[in-house]
Amino acid sequence: MTESSIDELLNWVISVDRRLILMESMKRHTFVRASDVAHEASRSTQNISHALKELESKELIQCLTPDKTTWKKYALTDTGKKVLAKLDGKYL
């Protein structure tokens, strides 16, 4: 992945606050669940679930429990870690 692609993803993340909230949570936790992030951020679970789907579609995170219908766990991908590293200290 090129530096330009990482910068595009960075701009995409910061353009919507729920994505930024989710990335901030990923910074503090090895894996996250929508309900846990929602509780921490005082957001609805649906709002955070939407952000999870968005980040998963951009391959920034991956579902660790795809066979489950509820309580799914997500972790950063290598690309997600690169974006988080650029966010850290500047936007988080």
PDB file of N, CA and C in Angstrom:
ATOM      1  N   MET A   1       0.847  -1.180   0.000  1.00  0.00           N
ATOM      2  CA  MET A   1       0.000   0.000   0.000  1.00  0.00           C
ATOM      3  C   MET A   1       0.890   1.239   0.000  1.00  0.00           C
ATOM      4  N   THR A   2       0.558   2.189  -0.855  1.00  0.00           N
ATOM      5  CA  THR A   2       1.389   3.385  -0.994  1.00  0.00           C
ATOM      6  C   THR A   2       1.076   4.408   0.102  1.00  0.00           C
ATOM      7  N   GLU A   3       1.999   5.324   0.290  1.00  0.00           N
ATOM      8  CA  GLU A   3       1.808   6.405   1.263  1.00  0.00           C
ATOM      9  C   GLU A   3       0.590   7.245   0.891  1.00  0.00           C
ATOM     10  N   SER A   4       0.385   7.443  -0.393  1.00  0.00           N
ATOM     11  CA  SER A   4      -0.765   8.201  -0.884  1.00  0.00           C
ATOM     12  C   SER A   4      -2.081   7.510  -0.523  1.00  0.00           C
ATOM     13  N   SER A   5      -2.108   6.183  -0.645  1.00  0.00           N
ATOM     14  CA  SER A   5      -3.309   5.414  -0.288  1.00  0.00           C
ATOM     15  C   SER A   5      -3.595   5.509   1.202  1.00  0.00           C
ATOM     16  N   ILE A   6      -2.543   5.457   2.004  1.00  0.00           N
ATOM     17  CA  ILE A   6      -2.700   5.584   3.458  1.00  0.00           C
ATOM     18  C   ILE A   6      -3.257   6.968   3.792  1.00  0.00           C
ATOM     19  N   ASP A   7      -2.736   8.002   3.123  1.00  0.00           N
ATOM     20  CA  ASP A   7      -3.222   9.365   3.360  1.00  0.00           C
ATOM     21  C   ASP A   7      -4.688   9.518   2.957  1.00  0.00           C
ATOM     22  N   GLU A   8      -5.083   8.879   1.862  1.00  0.00           N
ATOM     23  CA  GLU A   8      -6.492   8.914   1.441  1.00  0.00           C
ATOM     24  C   GLU A   8      -7.378   8.258   2.490  1.00  0.00           C
ATOM     25  N   LEU A   9      -6.950   7.117   3.007  1.00  0.00           N
ATOM     26  CA  LEU A   9      -7.720   6.439   4.050  1.00  0.00           C
ATOM     27  C   LEU A   9      -7.764   7.278   5.323  1.00  0.00           C
ATOM     28  N   LEU A  10      -6.671   7.926   5.658  1.00  0.00           N
ATOM     29  CA  LEU A  10      -6.617   8.796   6.830  1.00  0.00           C
ATOM     30  C   LEU A  10      -7.659   9.908   6.689  1.00  0.00           C
ATOM     31  N   ASN A  11      -7.692  10.557   5.548  1.00  0.00           N
ATOM     32  CA  ASN A  11      -8.677  11.617   5.313  1.00  0.00           C
ATOM     33  C   ASN A  11     -10.100  11.082   5.355  1.00  0.00           C
ATOM     34  N   TRP A  12     -10.292   9.881   4.840  1.00  0.00           N
ATOM     35  CA  TRP A  12     -11.616   9.253   4.877  1.00  0.00           C
ATOM     36  C   TRP A  12     -12.042   9.000   6.321  1.00  0.00           C
ATOM     37  N   VAL A  13     -11.138   8.502   7.161  1.00  0.00           N
ATOM     38  CA  VAL A  13     -11.455   8.226   8.568  1.00  0.00           C
ATOM     39  C   VAL A  13     -11.836   9.509   9.301  1.00  0.00           C
ATOM     40  N   ILE A  14     -11.038  10.556   9.151  1.00  0.00           N
ATOM     41  CA  ILE A  14     -11.286  11.775   9.925  1.00  0.00           C
ATOM     42  C   ILE A  14     -12.488  12.575   9.421  1.00  0.00           C
ATOM     43  N   SER A  15     -13.015  12.221   8.260  1.00  0.00           N
ATOM     44  CA  SER A  15     -14.152  12.965   7.707  1.00  0.00           C
ATOM     45  C   SER A  15     -15.469  12.679   8.438  1.00  0.00           C
ATOM     46  N   VAL A  16     -15.526  11.606   9.205  1.00  0.00           N
ATOM     47  CA  VAL A  16     -16.746  11.247   9.940  1.00  0.00           C
ATOM     48  C   VAL A  16     -16.353  10.871  11.378  1.00  0.00           C
ATOM     49  N   ASP A  17     -16.967  11.537  12.349  1.00  0.00           N
ATOM     50  CA  ASP A  17     -16.526  11.360  13.737  1.00  0.00           C
ATOM     51  C   ASP A  17     -16.676   9.943  14.270  1.00  0.00           C
ATOM     52  N   ARG A  18     -17.680   9.195  13.838  1.00  0.00           N
ATOM     53  CA  ARG A  18     -17.836   7.828  14.356  1.00  0.00           C
ATOM     54  C   ARG A  18     -16.656   6.945  13.951  1.00  0.00           C
ATOM     55  N   ARG A  19     -16.075   7.211  12.786  1.00  0.00           N
ATOM     56  CA  ARG A  19     -14.893   6.450  12.347  1.00  0.00           C
ATOM     57  C   ARG A  19     -13.694   6.789  13.229  1.00  0.00           C
ATOM     58  N   LEU A  20     -13.557   8.059  13.530  1.00  0.00           N
ATOM     59  CA  LEU A  20     -12.462   8.507  14.381  1.00  0.00           C
ATOM     60  C   LEU A  20     -12.609   7.946  15.794  1.00  0.00           C
ATOM     61  N   ILE A  21     -13.826   7.928  16.297  1.00  0.00           N
ATOM     62  CA  ILE A  21     -14.103   7.347  17.622  1.00  0.00           C
ATOM     63  C   ILE A  21     -13.716   5.873  17.634  1.00  0.00           C
ATOM     64  N   LEU A  22     -14.064   5.174  16.583  1.00  0.00           N
ATOM     65  CA  LEU A  22     -13.745   3.748  16.495  1.00  0.00           C
ATOM     66  C   LEU A  22     -12.238   3.518  16.433  1.00  0.00           C
ATOM     67  N   MET A  23     -11.531   4.317  15.652  1.00  0.00           N
ATOM     68  CA  MET A  23     -10.074   4.173  15.569  1.00  0.00           C
ATOM     69  C   MET A  23      -9.418   4.490  16.913  1.00  0.00           C
ATOM     70  N   GLU A  24      -9.961   5.471  17.627  1.00  0.00           N
ATOM     71  CA  GLU A  24      -9.424   5.791  18.947  1.00  0.00           C
ATOM     72  C   GLU A  24      -9.599   4.610  19.901  1.00  0.00           C
ATOM     73  N   SER A  25     -10.733   3.950  19.817  1.00  0.00           N
ATOM     74  CA  SER A  25     -10.967   2.769  20.639  1.00  0.00           C
ATOM     75  C   SER A  25     -10.022   1.638  20.248  1.00  0.00           C
ATOM     76  N   MET A  26      -9.758   1.498  18.948  1.00  0.00           N
ATOM     77  CA  MET A  26      -8.843   0.453  18.479  1.00  0.00           C
ATOM     78  C   MET A  26      -7.426   0.713  19.003  1.00  0.00           C
ATOM     79  N   LYS A  27      -7.101   1.962  19.241  1.00  0.00           N
ATOM     80  CA  LYS A  27      -5.788   2.317  19.784  1.00  0.00           C
ATOM     81  C   LYS A  27      -5.626   1.757  21.200  1.00  0.00           C
ATOM     82  N   ARG A  28      -6.723   1.767  21.961  1.00  0.00           N
ATOM     83  CA  ARG A  28      -6.669   1.346  23.364  1.00  0.00           C
ATOM     84  C   ARG A  28      -6.921  -0.147  23.587  1.00  0.00           C
ATOM     85  N   HIS A  29      -7.495  -0.827  22.598  1.00  0.00           N
ATOM     86  CA  HIS A  29      -7.889  -2.227  22.770  1.00  0.00           C
ATOM     87  C   HIS A  29      -7.366  -3.098  21.632  1.00  0.00           C
ATOM     88  N   THR A  30      -7.013  -4.326  21.942  1.00  0.00           N
ATOM     89  CA  THR A  30      -6.557  -5.272  20.933  1.00  0.00           C
ATOM     90  C   THR A  30      -7.690  -5.630  19.983  1.00  0.00           C
ATOM     91  N   PHE A  31      -8.873  -5.812  20.530  1.00  0.00           N
ATOM     92  CA  PHE A  31     -10.062  -6.057  19.718  1.00  0.00           C
ATOM     93  C   PHE A  31     -11.221  -5.305  20.347  1.00  0.00           C
ATOM     94  N   VAL A  32     -12.241  -5.033  19.546  1.00  0.00           N
ATOM     95  CA  VAL A  32     -13.408  -4.294  20.038  1.00  0.00           C
ATOM     96  C   VAL A  32     -14.701  -4.979  19.597  1.00  0.00           C
ATOM     97  N   ARG A  33     -15.744  -4.670  20.334  1.00  0.00           N
ATOM     98  CA  ARG A  33     -17.105  -5.052  19.967  1.00  0.00           C
ATOM     99  C   ARG A  33     -17.920  -3.771  19.898  1.00  0.00           C
ATOM    100  N   ALA A  34     -18.899  -3.742  19.039  1.00  0.00           N
ATOM    101  CA  ALA A  34     -19.706  -2.533  18.831  1.00  0.00           C
ATOM    102  C   ALA A  34     -20.302  -2.024  20.138  1.00  0.00           C
ATOM    103  N   SER A  35     -20.852  -2.901  20.929  1.00  0.00           N
ATOM    104  CA  SER A  35     -21.510  -2.469  22.167  1.00  0.00           C
ATOM    105  C   SER A  35     -20.526  -1.857  23.156  1.00  0.00           C
ATOM    106  N   ASP A  36     -19.307  -2.374  23.213  1.00  0.00           N
ATOM    107  CA  ASP A  36     -18.304  -1.830  24.124  1.00  0.00           C
ATOM    108  C   ASP A  36     -17.885  -0.424  23.707  1.00  0.00           C
ATOM    109  N   VAL A  37     -17.639  -0.233  22.421  1.00  0.00           N
ATOM    110  CA  VAL A  37     -17.241   1.084  21.911  1.00  0.00           C
ATOM    111  C   VAL A  37     -18.395   2.067  22.097  1.00  0.00           C
ATOM    112  N   ALA A  38     -19.608   1.641  21.810  1.00  0.00           N
ATOM    113  CA  ALA A  38     -20.777   2.498  21.966  1.00  0.00           C
ATOM    114  C   ALA A  38     -20.915   2.968  23.413  1.00  0.00           C
ATOM    115  N   HIS A  39     -20.722   2.062  24.335  1.00  0.00           N
ATOM    116  CA  HIS A  39     -20.822   2.407  25.757  1.00  0.00           C
ATOM    117  C   HIS A  39     -19.739   3.413  26.143  1.00  0.00           C
ATOM    118  N   GLU A  40     -18.501   3.162  25.733  1.00  0.00           N
ATOM    119  CA  GLU A  40     -17.384   4.061  26.050  1.00  0.00           C
ATOM    120  C   GLU A  40     -17.591   5.450  25.470  1.00  0.00           C
ATOM    121  N   ALA A  41     -18.130   5.519  24.271  1.00  0.00           N
ATOM    122  CA  ALA A  41     -18.240   6.788  23.544  1.00  0.00           C
ATOM    123  C   ALA A  41     -19.605   7.458  23.689  1.00  0.00           C
ATOM    124  N   SER A  42     -20.490   6.837  24.456  1.00  0.00           N
ATOM    125  CA  SER A  42     -21.859   7.343  24.615  1.00  0.00           C
ATOM    126  C   SER A  42     -22.545   7.523  23.253  1.00  0.00           C
ATOM    127  N   ARG A  43     -22.394   6.523  22.421  1.00  0.00           N
ATOM    128  CA  ARG A  43     -23.034   6.470  21.107  1.00  0.00           C
ATOM    129  C   ARG A  43     -23.954   5.273  21.061  1.00  0.00           C
ATOM    130  N   SER A  44     -24.811   5.242  20.055  1.00  0.00           N
ATOM    131  CA  SER A  44     -25.673   4.075  19.896  1.00  0.00           C
ATOM    132  C   SER A  44     -24.854   2.929  19.306  1.00  0.00           C
ATOM    133  N   THR A  45     -25.264   1.734  19.621  1.00  0.00           N
ATOM    134  CA  THR A  45     -24.596   0.557  19.076  1.00  0.00           C
ATOM    135  C   THR A  45     -24.737   0.545  17.550  1.00  0.00           C
ATOM    136  N   GLN A  46     -25.879   0.992  17.044  1.00  0.00           N
ATOM    137  CA  GLN A  46     -26.091   1.033  15.601  1.00  0.00           C
ATOM    138  C   GLN A  46     -25.099   1.986  14.928  1.00  0.00           C
ATOM    139  N   ASN A  47     -24.829   3.123  15.563  1.00  0.00           N
ATOM    140  CA  ASN A  47     -23.884   4.099  15.019  1.00  0.00           C
ATOM    141  C   ASN A  47     -22.489   3.493  14.913  1.00  0.00           C
ATOM    142  N   ILE A  48     -22.064   2.802  15.951  1.00  0.00           N
ATOM    143  CA  ILE A  48     -20.738   2.185  15.960  1.00  0.00           C
ATOM    144  C   ILE A  48     -20.707   0.976  15.032  1.00  0.00           C
ATOM    145  N   SER A  49     -21.788   0.215  14.968  1.00  0.00           N
ATOM    146  CA  SER A  49     -21.859  -0.920  14.033  1.00  0.00           C
ATOM    147  C   SER A  49     -21.702  -0.442  12.597  1.00  0.00           C
ATOM    148  N   HIS A  50     -22.300   0.696  12.295  1.00  0.00           N
ATOM    149  CA  HIS A  50     -22.171   1.269  10.954  1.00  0.00           C
ATOM    150  C   HIS A  50     -20.710   1.616  10.675  1.00  0.00           C
ATOM    151  N   ALA A  51     -20.043   2.213  11.651  1.00  0.00           N
ATOM    152  CA  ALA A  51     -18.618   2.555  11.495  1.00  0.00           C
ATOM    153  C   ALA A  51     -17.779   1.294  11.316  1.00  0.00           C
ATOM    154  N   LEU A  52     -18.091   0.236  12.053  1.00  0.00           N
ATOM    155  CA  LEU A  52     -17.360  -1.030  11.903  1.00  0.00           C
ATOM    156  C   LEU A  52     -17.488  -1.549  10.472  1.00  0.00           C
ATOM    157  N   LYS A  53     -18.685  -1.510   9.936  1.00  0.00           N
ATOM    158  CA  LYS A  53     -18.902  -1.978   8.561  1.00  0.00           C
ATOM    159  C   LYS A  53     -18.140  -1.116   7.567  1.00  0.00           C
ATOM    160  N   GLU A  54     -18.124   0.200   7.810  1.00  0.00           N
ATOM    161  CA  GLU A  54     -17.387   1.108   6.929  1.00  0.00           C
ATOM    162  C   GLU A  54     -15.894   0.795   6.936  1.00  0.00           C
ATOM    163  N   LEU A  55     -15.335   0.659   8.134  1.00  0.00           N
ATOM    164  CA  LEU A  55     -13.897   0.378   8.243  1.00  0.00           C
ATOM    165  C   LEU A  55     -13.557  -1.001   7.700  1.00  0.00           C
ATOM    166  N   GLU A  56     -14.460  -1.953   7.878  1.00  0.00           N
ATOM    167  CA  GLU A  56     -14.230  -3.296   7.338  1.00  0.00           C
ATOM    168  C   GLU A  56     -14.257  -3.259   5.807  1.00  0.00           C
ATOM    169  N   SER A  57     -15.126  -2.447   5.229  1.00  0.00           N
ATOM    170  CA  SER A  57     -15.207  -2.365   3.766  1.00  0.00           C
ATOM    171  C   SER A  57     -13.937  -1.754   3.164  1.00  0.00           C
ATOM    172  N   LYS A  58     -13.242  -0.936   3.944  1.00  0.00           N
ATOM    173  CA  LYS A  58     -11.981  -0.321   3.487  1.00  0.00           C
ATOM    174  C   LYS A  58     -10.771  -1.153   3.921  1.00  0.00           C
ATOM    175  N   GLU A  59     -11.043  -2.314   4.519  1.00  0.00           N
ATOM    176  CA  GLU A  59     -10.014  -3.261   4.972  1.00  0.00           C
ATOM    177  C   GLU A  59      -9.078  -2.673   6.018  1.00  0.00           C
ATOM    178  N   LEU A  60      -9.639  -1.804   6.883  1.00  0.00           N
ATOM    179  CA  LEU A  60      -8.881  -1.256   8.009  1.00  0.00           C
ATOM    180  C   LEU A  60      -9.016  -2.145   9.239  1.00  0.00           C
ATOM    181  N   ILE A  61     -10.118  -2.883   9.295  1.00  0.00           N
ATOM    182  CA  ILE A  61     -10.348  -3.835  10.380  1.00  0.00           C
ATOM    183  C   ILE A  61     -10.838  -5.139   9.786  1.00  0.00           C
ATOM    184  N   GLN A  62     -10.770  -6.189  10.600  1.00  0.00           N
ATOM    185  CA  GLN A  62     -11.323  -7.476  10.173  1.00  0.00           C
ATOM    186  C   GLN A  62     -12.104  -8.079  11.325  1.00  0.00           C
ATOM    187  N   CYS A  63     -13.134  -8.808  10.973  1.00  0.00           N
ATOM    188  CA  CYS A  63     -13.943  -9.486  11.978  1.00  0.00           C
ATOM    189  C   CYS A  63     -13.238 -10.776  12.378  1.00  0.00           C
ATOM    190  N   LEU A  64     -13.055 -10.941  13.679  1.00  0.00           N
ATOM    191  CA  LEU A  64     -12.397 -12.139  14.201  1.00  0.00           C
ATOM    192  C   LEU A  64     -13.385 -13.277  14.429  1.00  0.00           C
ATOM    193  N   THR A  65     -14.673 -12.933  14.457  1.00  0.00           N
ATOM    194  CA  THR A  65     -15.716 -13.926  14.732  1.00  0.00           C
ATOM    195  C   THR A  65     -16.832 -13.832  13.684  1.00  0.00           C
ATOM    196  N   PRO A  66     -16.516 -14.056  12.412  1.00  0.00           N
ATOM    197  CA  PRO A  66     -17.517 -13.848  11.351  1.00  0.00           C
ATOM    198  C   PRO A  66     -18.720 -14.790  11.411  1.00  0.00           C
ATOM    199  N   ASP A  67     -18.577 -15.919  12.066  1.00  0.00           N
ATOM    200  CA  ASP A  67     -19.687 -16.865  12.137  1.00  0.00           C
ATOM    201  C   ASP A  67     -20.734 -16.479  13.176  1.00  0.00           C
ATOM    202  N   LYS A  68     -20.391 -15.575  14.066  1.00  0.00           N
ATOM    203  CA  LYS A  68     -21.335 -15.139  15.090  1.00  0.00           C
ATOM    204  C   LYS A  68     -22.282 -14.099  14.498  1.00  0.00           C
ATOM    205  N   THR A  69     -23.491 -14.049  15.021  1.00  0.00           N
ATOM    206  CA  THR A  69     -24.447 -13.043  14.564  1.00  0.00           C
ATOM    207  C   THR A  69     -24.469 -11.840  15.506  1.00  0.00           C
ATOM    208  N   THR A  70     -24.033 -12.029  16.737  1.00  0.00           N
ATOM    209  CA  THR A  70     -23.955 -10.938  17.712  1.00  0.00           C
ATOM    210  C   THR A  70     -22.620 -11.010  18.430  1.00  0.00           C
ATOM    211  N   TRP A  71     -22.272  -9.930  19.113  1.00  0.00           N
ATOM    212  CA  TRP A  71     -21.037  -9.867  19.901  1.00  0.00           C
ATOM    213  C   TRP A  71     -19.793 -10.152  19.056  1.00  0.00           C
ATOM    214  N   LYS A  72     -19.815  -9.684  17.821  1.00  0.00           N
ATOM    215  CA  LYS A  72     -18.653  -9.887  16.948  1.00  0.00           C
ATOM    216  C   LYS A  72     -17.469  -9.076  17.449  1.00  0.00           C
ATOM    217  N   LYS A  73     -16.282  -9.637  17.282  1.00  0.00           N
ATOM    218  CA  LYS A  73     -15.050  -8.966  17.688  1.00  0.00           C
ATOM    219  C   LYS A  73     -14.269  -8.554  16.441  1.00  0.00           C
ATOM    220  N   TYR A  74     -13.697  -7.363  16.502  1.00  0.00           N
ATOM    221  CA  TYR A  74     -12.941  -6.805  15.375  1.00  0.00           C
ATOM    222  C   TYR A  74     -11.544  -6.395  15.824  1.00  0.00           C
ATOM    223  N   ALA A  75     -10.583  -6.513  14.906  1.00  0.00           N
ATOM    224  CA  ALA A  75      -9.200  -6.107  15.165  1.00  0.00           C
ATOM    225  C   ALA A  75      -8.686  -5.346  13.942  1.00  0.00           C
ATOM    226  N   LEU A  76      -7.664  -4.539  14.170  1.00  0.00           N
ATOM    227  CA  LEU A  76      -7.039  -3.795  13.078  1.00  0.00           C
ATOM    228  C   LEU A  76      -6.304  -4.730  12.125  1.00  0.00           C
ATOM    229  N   THR A  77      -6.331  -4.395  10.858  1.00  0.00           N
ATOM    230  CA  THR A  77      -5.498  -5.072   9.868  1.00  0.00           C
ATOM    231  C   THR A  77      -4.159  -4.333   9.824  1.00  0.00           C
ATOM    232  N   ASP A  78      -3.226  -4.824   9.036  1.00  0.00           N
ATOM    233  CA  ASP A  78      -1.945  -4.126   8.886  1.00  0.00           C
ATOM    234  C   ASP A  78      -2.163  -2.720   8.329  1.00  0.00           C
ATOM    235  N   THR A  79      -3.071  -2.589   7.368  1.00  0.00           N
ATOM    236  CA  THR A  79      -3.381  -1.268   6.811  1.00  0.00           C
ATOM    237  C   THR A  79      -3.993  -0.380   7.889  1.00  0.00           C
ATOM    238  N   GLY A  80      -4.889  -0.941   8.670  1.00  0.00           N
ATOM    239  CA  GLY A  80      -5.497  -0.187   9.765  1.00  0.00           C
ATOM    240  C   GLY A  80      -4.467   0.303  10.764  1.00  0.00           C
ATOM    241  N   LYS A  81      -3.471  -0.523  11.032  1.00  0.00           N
ATOM    242  CA  LYS A  81      -2.400  -0.119  11.956  1.00  0.00           C
ATOM    243  C   LYS A  81      -1.592   1.038  11.388  1.00  0.00           C
ATOM    244  N   LYS A  82      -1.373   1.049  10.079  1.00  0.00           N
ATOM    245  CA  LYS A  82      -0.638   2.146   9.446  1.00  0.00           C
ATOM    246  C   LYS A  82      -1.437   3.445   9.533  1.00  0.00           C
ATOM    247  N   VAL A  83      -2.744   3.359   9.294  1.00  0.00           N
ATOM    248  CA  VAL A  83      -3.595   4.540   9.391  1.00  0.00           C
ATOM    249  C   VAL A  83      -3.636   5.028  10.838  1.00  0.00           C
ATOM    250  N   LEU A  84      -3.768   4.112  11.779  1.00  0.00           N
ATOM    251  CA  LEU A  84      -3.794   4.483  13.193  1.00  0.00           C
ATOM    252  C   LEU A  84      -2.494   5.166  13.608  1.00  0.00           C
ATOM    253  N   ALA A  85      -1.385   4.680  13.115  1.00  0.00           N
ATOM    254  CA  ALA A  85      -0.090   5.286  13.440  1.00  0.00           C
ATOM    255  C   ALA A  85      -0.038   6.746  12.965  1.00  0.00           C
ATOM    256  N   LYS A  86      -0.627   7.017  11.807  1.00  0.00           N
ATOM    257  CA  LYS A  86      -0.658   8.394  11.290  1.00  0.00           C
ATOM    258  C   LYS A  86      -1.647   9.258  12.063  1.00  0.00           C
ATOM    259  N   LEU A  87      -2.715   8.649  12.559  1.00  0.00           N
ATOM    260  CA  LEU A  87      -3.712   9.388  13.346  1.00  0.00           C
ATOM    261  C   LEU A  87      -3.171   9.739  14.727  1.00  0.00           C
ATOM    262  N   ASP A  88      -2.384   8.838  15.286  1.00  0.00           N
ATOM    263  CA  ASP A  88      -1.908   8.964  16.660  1.00  0.00           C
ATOM    264  C   ASP A  88      -1.053  10.219  16.845  1.00  0.00           C
ATOM    265  N   GLY A  89      -1.434  11.004  17.828  1.00  0.00           N
ATOM    266  CA  GLY A  89      -0.690  12.212  18.130  1.00  0.00           C
ATOM    267  C   GLY A  89      -1.143  13.415  17.324  1.00  0.00           C
ATOM    268  N   LYS A  90      -1.778  13.165  16.190  1.00  0.00           N
ATOM    269  CA  LYS A  90      -2.232  14.268  15.346  1.00  0.00           C
ATOM    270  C   LYS A  90      -3.740  14.486  15.465  1.00  0.00           C
ATOM    271  N   TYR A  91      -4.499  13.382  15.441  1.00  0.00           N
ATOM    272  CA  TYR A  91      -5.944  13.465  15.524  1.00  0.00           C
ATOM    273  C   TYR A  91      -6.526  12.744  16.741  1.00  0.00           C
ATOM    274  N   LEU A  92      -5.726  11.909  17.375  1.00  0.00           N
ATOM    275  CA  LEU A  92      -6.197  11.161  18.550  1.00  0.00           C
ATOM    276  C   LEU A  92      -5.409  11.574  19.771  1.00  0.00           C
TER     277      LEU A  92
END
